C-alpha atoms as a PDB file:
ATOM      1  CA  MET A   1     133.691  43.763 144.958  1.00  0.00           C
ATOM      2  CA  GLU A   2     137.256  43.806 143.608  1.00  0.00           C
ATOM      3  CA  ILE A   3     137.827  40.142 144.507  1.00  0.00           C
ATOM      4  CA  ALA A   4     134.619  39.220 142.651  1.00  0.00           C
ATOM      5  CA  ILE A   5     135.806  41.130 139.579  1.00  0.00           C
ATOM      6  CA  ILE A   6     139.147  39.285 139.703  1.00  0.00           C
ATOM      7  CA  ILE A   7     137.329  35.939 140.004  1.00  0.00           C
ATOM      8  CA  SER A   8     135.001  36.819 137.117  1.00  0.00           C
ATOM      9  CA  SER A   9     138.043  37.839 135.037  1.00  0.00           C
ATOM     10  CA  PHE A  10     139.813  34.579 135.857  1.00  0.00           C
ATOM     11  CA  PHE A  11     136.788  32.534 134.747  1.00  0.00           C
ATOM     12  CA  LEU A  12     136.470  34.587 131.545  1.00  0.00           C
ATOM     13  CA  VAL A  13     140.106  33.934 130.640  1.00  0.00           C
ATOM     14  CA  LEU A  14     139.731  30.197 131.309  1.00  0.00           C
ATOM     15  CA  PHE A  15     136.542  30.183 129.247  1.00  0.00           C
ATOM     16  CA  ALA A  16     138.199  32.000 126.338  1.00  0.00           C
ATOM     17  CA  ILE A  17     141.125  29.562 126.235  1.00  0.00           C
ATOM     18  CA  LEU A  18     138.954  26.442 126.410  1.00  0.00           C
ATOM     19  CA  ALA A  19     136.333  27.869 124.036  1.00  0.00           C
ATOM     20  CA  LEU A  20     139.022  28.538 121.433  1.00  0.00           C
ATOM     21  CA  TYR A  21     140.280  24.968 121.773  1.00  0.00           C
ATOM     22  CA  ASP A  22     136.792  23.432 121.732  1.00  0.00           C
ATOM     23  CA  GLY A  23     134.935  25.774 119.405  1.00  0.00           C
ATOM     24  CA  PHE A  24     137.643  26.400 116.856  1.00  0.00           C
ATOM     25  CA  TYR A  25     140.122  23.547 116.974  1.00  0.00           C
ATOM     26  CA  LEU A  26     137.807  20.617 117.748  1.00  0.00           C
ATOM     27  CA  HIS A  27     134.482  21.665 116.230  1.00  0.00           C
ATOM     28  CA  ILE A  28     135.616  23.615 113.169  1.00  0.00           C
ATOM     29  CA  PHE A  29     139.155  22.525 112.393  1.00  0.00           C
ATOM     30  CA  LYS A  30     139.445  18.874 113.454  1.00  0.00           C
ATOM     31  CA  TYR A  31     135.907  17.410 113.291  1.00  0.00           C
ATOM     32  CA  GLN A  32     134.551  19.956 110.790  1.00  0.00           C
ATOM     33  CA  LEU A  33     131.057  19.790 112.266  1.00  0.00           C
ATOM     34  CA  HIS A  34     129.806  22.294 109.695  1.00  0.00           C
ATOM     35  CA  ASN A  35     130.479  19.664 106.963  1.00  0.00           C
ATOM     36  CA  GLN A  36     128.644  16.795 108.658  1.00  0.00           C
ATOM     37  CA  ILE A  37     124.976  16.343 107.741  1.00  0.00           C
ATOM     38  CA  GLU A  38     124.136  15.126 111.268  1.00  0.00           C
ATOM     39  CA  SER A  39     125.917  18.095 112.834  1.00  0.00           C
ATOM     40  CA  LYS A  40     124.301  20.978 110.943  1.00  0.00           C
ATOM     41  CA  MET A  41     121.959  21.817 113.824  1.00  0.00           C
ATOM     42  CA  GLU A  42     124.776  21.568 116.375  1.00  0.00           C
ATOM     43  CA  HIS A  43     126.876  23.930 114.272  1.00  0.00           C
ATOM     44  CA  LEU A  44     123.943  26.336 114.056  1.00  0.00           C
ATOM     45  CA  THR A  45     123.582  26.341 117.866  1.00  0.00           C
ATOM     46  CA  HIS A  46     127.335  26.971 118.148  1.00  0.00           C
ATOM     47  CA  ALA A  47     126.997  29.831 115.673  1.00  0.00           C
ATOM     48  CA  LEU A  48     124.185  31.375 117.734  1.00  0.00           C
ATOM     49  CA  ARG A  49     126.193  31.069 120.932  1.00  0.00           C
ATOM     50  CA  ALA A  50     129.263  32.490 119.179  1.00  0.00           C
ATOM     51  CA  VAL A  51     127.173  35.512 118.162  1.00  0.00           C
ATOM     52  CA  PHE A  52     125.754  35.858 121.678  1.00  0.00           C
ATOM     53  CA  PHE A  53     129.170  35.962 123.370  1.00  0.00           C
ATOM     54  CA  PRO A  54     130.453  39.324 122.026  1.00  0.00           C
ATOM     55  CA  ILE A  55     127.005  40.809 122.688  1.00  0.00           C
ATOM     56  CA  ILE A  56     127.220  39.584 126.291  1.00  0.00           C
ATOM     57  CA  LEU A  57     130.754  40.962 126.596  1.00  0.00           C
ATOM     58  CA  TYR A  58     129.671  44.341 125.291  1.00  0.00           C
ATOM     59  CA  PHE A  59     126.282  44.884 126.919  1.00  0.00           C
ATOM     60  CA  LEU A  60     126.598  42.949 130.179  1.00  0.00           C
ATOM     61  CA  PHE A  61     130.248  43.449 131.066  1.00  0.00           C
ATOM     62  CA  LEU A  62     131.539  46.520 129.236  1.00  0.00           C
ATOM     63  CA  LYS A  63     128.718  49.048 128.790  1.00  0.00           C
ATOM     64  CA  GLN A  64     127.985  49.847 132.415  1.00  0.00           C
ATOM     65  CA  ASP A  65     126.524  53.293 131.718  1.00  0.00           C
ATOM     66  CA  SER A  66     122.849  52.323 131.676  1.00  0.00           C
ATOM     67  CA  ASP A  67     120.478  49.773 133.135  1.00  0.00           C
ATOM     68  CA  ALA A  68     119.089  49.163 129.628  1.00  0.00           C
ATOM     69  CA  ASN A  69     122.486  47.885 128.420  1.00  0.00           C
ATOM     70  CA  PHE A  70     122.695  45.581 131.432  1.00  0.00           C
ATOM     71  CA  LEU A  71     119.191  44.217 130.756  1.00  0.00           C
ATOM     72  CA  ILE A  72     120.019  43.619 127.076  1.00  0.00           C
ATOM     73  CA  GLY A  73     123.090  41.660 128.168  1.00  0.00           C
ATOM     74  CA  LEU A  74     121.037  39.710 130.695  1.00  0.00           C
ATOM     75  CA  ALA A  75     118.409  38.873 128.063  1.00  0.00           C
ATOM     76  CA  ILE A  76     121.142  37.521 125.769  1.00  0.00           C
ATOM     77  CA  VAL A  77     122.480  35.415 128.666  1.00  0.00           C
ATOM     78  CA  ILE A  78     119.013  33.868 129.048  1.00  0.00           C
ATOM     79  CA  LEU A  79     118.853  33.152 125.306  1.00  0.00           C
ATOM     80  CA  ASP A  80     122.350  31.654 125.538  1.00  0.00           C
ATOM     81  CA  ILE A  81     121.198  29.282 128.291  1.00  0.00           C
ATOM     82  CA  LEU A  82     118.211  28.183 126.195  1.00  0.00           C
ATOM     83  CA  VAL A  83     120.371  27.566 123.119  1.00  0.00           C
ATOM     84  CA  LEU A  84     122.908  25.687 125.269  1.00  0.00           C
ATOM     85  CA  GLY A  85     120.109  23.389 126.461  1.00  0.00           C
ATOM     86  CA  TYR A  86     119.050  22.694 122.892  1.00  0.00           C
ATOM     87  CA  ASP A  87     122.683  22.173 121.860  1.00  0.00           C
ATOM     88  CA  ALA A  88     123.108  19.546 124.583  1.00  0.00           C
ATOM     89  CA  PHE A  89     119.874  17.875 123.435  1.00  0.00           C
ATOM     90  CA  VAL A  90     120.962  17.504 119.775  1.00  0.00           C
ATOM     91  CA  GLU A  91     124.604  16.678 120.475  1.00  0.00           C
ATOM     92  CA  LYS A  92     124.149  12.910 120.861  1.00  0.00           C
ATOM     93  CA  ASP A  93     122.590  12.527 117.401  1.00  0.00           C
ATOM     94  CA  SER A  94     124.944  15.117 115.950  1.00  0.00           C
ATOM     95  CA  ARG A  95     128.043  13.074 116.706  1.00  0.00           C
ATOM     96  CA  GLN A  96     126.899   9.731 115.274  1.00  0.00           C
ATOM     97  CA  PHE A  97     129.357  10.137 112.383  1.00  0.00           C
ATOM     98  CA  MET A  98     132.238   9.794 114.866  1.00  0.00           C
ATOM     99  CA  GLY A  99     130.716   7.151 117.119  1.00  0.00           C
ATOM    100  CA  GLY A 100     129.330   9.663 119.616  1.00  0.00           C
ATOM    101  CA  LEU A 101     130.822  12.468 121.652  1.00  0.00           C
ATOM    102  CA  PRO A 102     134.151  11.411 123.195  1.00  0.00           C
ATOM    103  CA  ARG A 103     134.050  11.415 126.992  1.00  0.00           C
ATOM    104  CA  TRP A 104     137.020  13.772 127.256  1.00  0.00           C
ATOM    105  CA  GLU A 105     135.299  16.283 124.943  1.00  0.00           C
ATOM    106  CA  TYR A 106     132.169  16.052 127.081  1.00  0.00           C
ATOM    107  CA  ILE A 107     134.349  16.987 130.074  1.00  0.00           C
ATOM    108  CA  VAL A 108     135.813  19.933 128.105  1.00  0.00           C
ATOM    109  CA  HIS A 109     132.230  21.093 127.397  1.00  0.00           C
ATOM    110  CA  LEU A 110     131.415  20.933 131.114  1.00  0.00           C
ATOM    111  CA  PHE A 111     134.408  23.090 131.991  1.00  0.00           C
ATOM    112  CA  VAL A 112     133.958  25.534 129.118  1.00  0.00           C
ATOM    113  CA  ASN A 113     130.310  26.183 129.989  1.00  0.00           C
ATOM    114  CA  GLY A 114     131.030  26.118 133.712  1.00  0.00           C
ATOM    115  CA  PHE A 115     133.664  28.846 133.368  1.00  0.00           C
ATOM    116  CA  HIS A 116     131.419  30.856 131.037  1.00  0.00           C
ATOM    117  CA  PHE A 117     128.439  30.891 133.360  1.00  0.00           C
ATOM    118  CA  ALA A 118     130.560  31.179 136.518  1.00  0.00           C
ATOM    119  CA  SER A 119     132.040  34.418 135.163  1.00  0.00           C
ATOM    120  CA  ILE A 120     128.532  35.699 134.494  1.00  0.00           C
ATOM    121  CA  ALA A 121     127.152  34.569 137.864  1.00  0.00           C
ATOM    122  CA  VAL A 122     129.985  36.196 139.797  1.00  0.00           C
ATOM    123  CA  TYR A 123     129.542  39.387 137.801  1.00  0.00           C
ATOM    124  CA  LEU A 124     125.786  39.386 138.436  1.00  0.00           C
ATOM    125  CA  SER A 125     126.488  39.086 142.166  1.00  0.00           C
ATOM    126  CA  ILE A 126     128.343  42.403 141.896  1.00  0.00           C
ATOM    127  CA  ARG A 127     125.759  44.218 139.798  1.00  0.00           C
ATOM    128  CA  LEU A 128     122.530  43.004 141.419  1.00  0.00           C
ATOM    129  CA  THR A 129     121.464  43.847 144.955  1.00  0.00           C
ATOM    130  CA  PHE A 130     118.339  43.034 146.885  1.00  0.00           C
ATOM    131  CA  GLN A 131     116.965  45.969 148.858  1.00  0.00           C
ATOM    132  CA  ASN A 132     113.511  46.544 150.367  1.00  0.00           C
ATOM    133  CA  GLY A 133     112.060  43.604 148.477  1.00  0.00           C
ATOM    134  CA  GLU A 134     113.389  44.812 145.115  1.00  0.00           C
ATOM    135  CA  ILE A 135     116.213  43.682 142.891  1.00  0.00           C
ATOM    136  CA  LEU A 136     118.318  46.702 141.978  1.00  0.00           C
ATOM    137  CA  ILE A 137     121.044  47.133 139.393  1.00  0.00           C
ATOM    138  CA  SER A 138     124.074  48.757 140.944  1.00  0.00           C
ATOM    139  CA  HIS A 139     126.890  50.447 139.088  1.00  0.00           C
ATOM    140  CA  ILE A 140     130.504  49.492 139.594  1.00  0.00           C
ATOM    141  CA  THR A 141     132.875  52.046 141.062  1.00  0.00           C
ATOM    142  CA  GLN A 142     135.935  52.649 138.894  1.00  0.00           C
ATOM    143  CA  SER A 143     139.232  51.346 140.263  1.00  0.00           C
ATOM    144  CA  SER A 144     142.428  49.848 138.927  1.00  0.00           C
ATOM    145  CA  VAL A 145     140.791  46.384 139.081  1.00  0.00           C
ATOM    146  CA  THR A 146     137.743  47.505 137.097  1.00  0.00           C
ATOM    147  CA  ASP A 147     140.030  49.208 134.592  1.00  0.00           C
ATOM    148  CA  LEU A 148     141.881  45.897 134.109  1.00  0.00           C
ATOM    149  CA  PHE A 149     138.540  44.078 133.790  1.00  0.00           C
ATOM    150  CA  ASN A 150     137.405  46.511 131.089  1.00  0.00           C
ATOM    151  CA  THR A 151     140.743  46.072 129.296  1.00  0.00           C
ATOM    152  CA  LEU A 152     140.243  42.295 129.395  1.00  0.00           C
ATOM    153  CA  ILE A 153     136.753  42.616 127.902  1.00  0.00           C
ATOM    154  CA  ILE A 154     137.981  45.004 125.189  1.00  0.00           C
ATOM    155  CA  ASN A 155     140.744  42.532 124.305  1.00  0.00           C
ATOM    156  CA  LEU A 156     138.357  39.553 124.220  1.00  0.00           C
ATOM    157  CA  LEU A 157     135.881  41.314 121.907  1.00  0.00           C
ATOM    158  CA  PRO A 158     137.837  41.142 118.605  1.00  0.00           C
ATOM    159  CA  GLY A 159     138.489  37.401 118.943  1.00  0.00           C
ATOM    160  CA  ALA A 160     134.877  36.778 119.954  1.00  0.00           C
ATOM    161  CA  ILE A 161     133.639  38.713 116.919  1.00  0.00           C
ATOM    162  CA  ILE A 162     136.006  36.814 114.601  1.00  0.00           C
ATOM    163  CA  MET A 163     134.778  33.474 115.990  1.00  0.00           C
ATOM    164  CA  ALA A 164     131.156  34.571 115.550  1.00  0.00           C
ATOM    165  CA  LEU A 165     131.808  35.608 111.945  1.00  0.00           C
ATOM    166  CA  LEU A 166     133.629  32.341 111.208  1.00  0.00           C
ATOM    167  CA  HIS A 167     130.700  30.336 112.588  1.00  0.00           C
ATOM    168  CA  ILE A 168     128.270  32.346 110.447  1.00  0.00           C
ATOM    169  CA  VAL A 169     130.454  31.989 107.340  1.00  0.00           C
ATOM    170  CA  LEU A 170     130.463  28.218 107.843  1.00  0.00           C
ATOM    171  CA  CYS A 171     126.651  28.156 107.942  1.00  0.00           C
ATOM    172  CA  ILE A 172     126.566  29.436 104.344  1.00  0.00           C
ATOM    173  CA  PRO A 173     127.469  26.739 101.774  1.00  0.00           C
ATOM    174  CA  LYS A 174     129.376  29.019  99.360  1.00  0.00           C
ATOM    175  CA  THR A 175     131.569  30.594 102.012  1.00  0.00           C
ATOM    176  CA  ALA A 176     131.960  27.267 103.811  1.00  0.00           C
ATOM    177  CA  ASN A 177     133.473  25.914 100.583  1.00  0.00           C
ATOM    178  CA  VAL A 178     136.065  28.701 100.638  1.00  0.00           C
ATOM    179  CA  TRP A 179     137.006  27.692 104.200  1.00  0.00           C
ATOM    180  CA  ASN A 180     137.043  23.993 103.258  1.00  0.00           C
ATOM    181  CA  ASN A 181     139.426  24.695 100.351  1.00  0.00           C
ATOM    182  CA  PHE A 182     141.711  26.657 102.663  1.00  0.00           C
ATOM    183  CA  ARG A 183     141.483  23.932 105.330  1.00  0.00           C
ATOM    184  CA  SER A 184     142.316  21.166 102.819  1.00  0.00           C
ATOM    185  CA  LYS A 185     145.664  22.851 102.106  1.00  0.00           C
ATOM    186  CA  LEU A 186     146.768  22.536 105.743  1.00  0.00           C
ATOM    187  CA  ASN A 187     148.435  19.253 106.598  1.00  0.00           C
ATOM    188  CA  CYS A 188     148.472  19.440 110.358  1.00  0.00           C
ATOM    189  CA  CYS A 189     146.284  18.720 113.325  1.00  0.00           C
END
């Protein structure tokens, strides 16, 4: 179990680093998808997924005190998968303004989503057991590794919430203009 928690933690850290690069730097800062007419739906799917992530962190990974919390987290994971599928479907049309999605960014998307869902899959392998024809939710025994895992989740939550709020703010024209004015004053990247 402890090795699986370490692996899940490793994938979460890789996801967080790549998601920050892809979701903030590329999508919001560099390409400004929220400002592109063709990309409005893609930005909305990114906003939904950005909102889902802290909920997944909290209910699936952190709040291990009840099966209900686990099931809420699992339901959000399923919604996340559905929104990801729709995001992939609209992405080709969404990036027409820049001549399509660059191949290297497509590869980043594969890794970012691979790490995200690998962390979840490994974690589910810890929490779910199959016994007497039933799937059971097991609770994790506290240890120094689980304490580190919980610390990781607690430290990821503020950044995940900030990214979710930024995505939501950019869906609203008035607040998006505030961001655009701020962004126009930066001369880098």
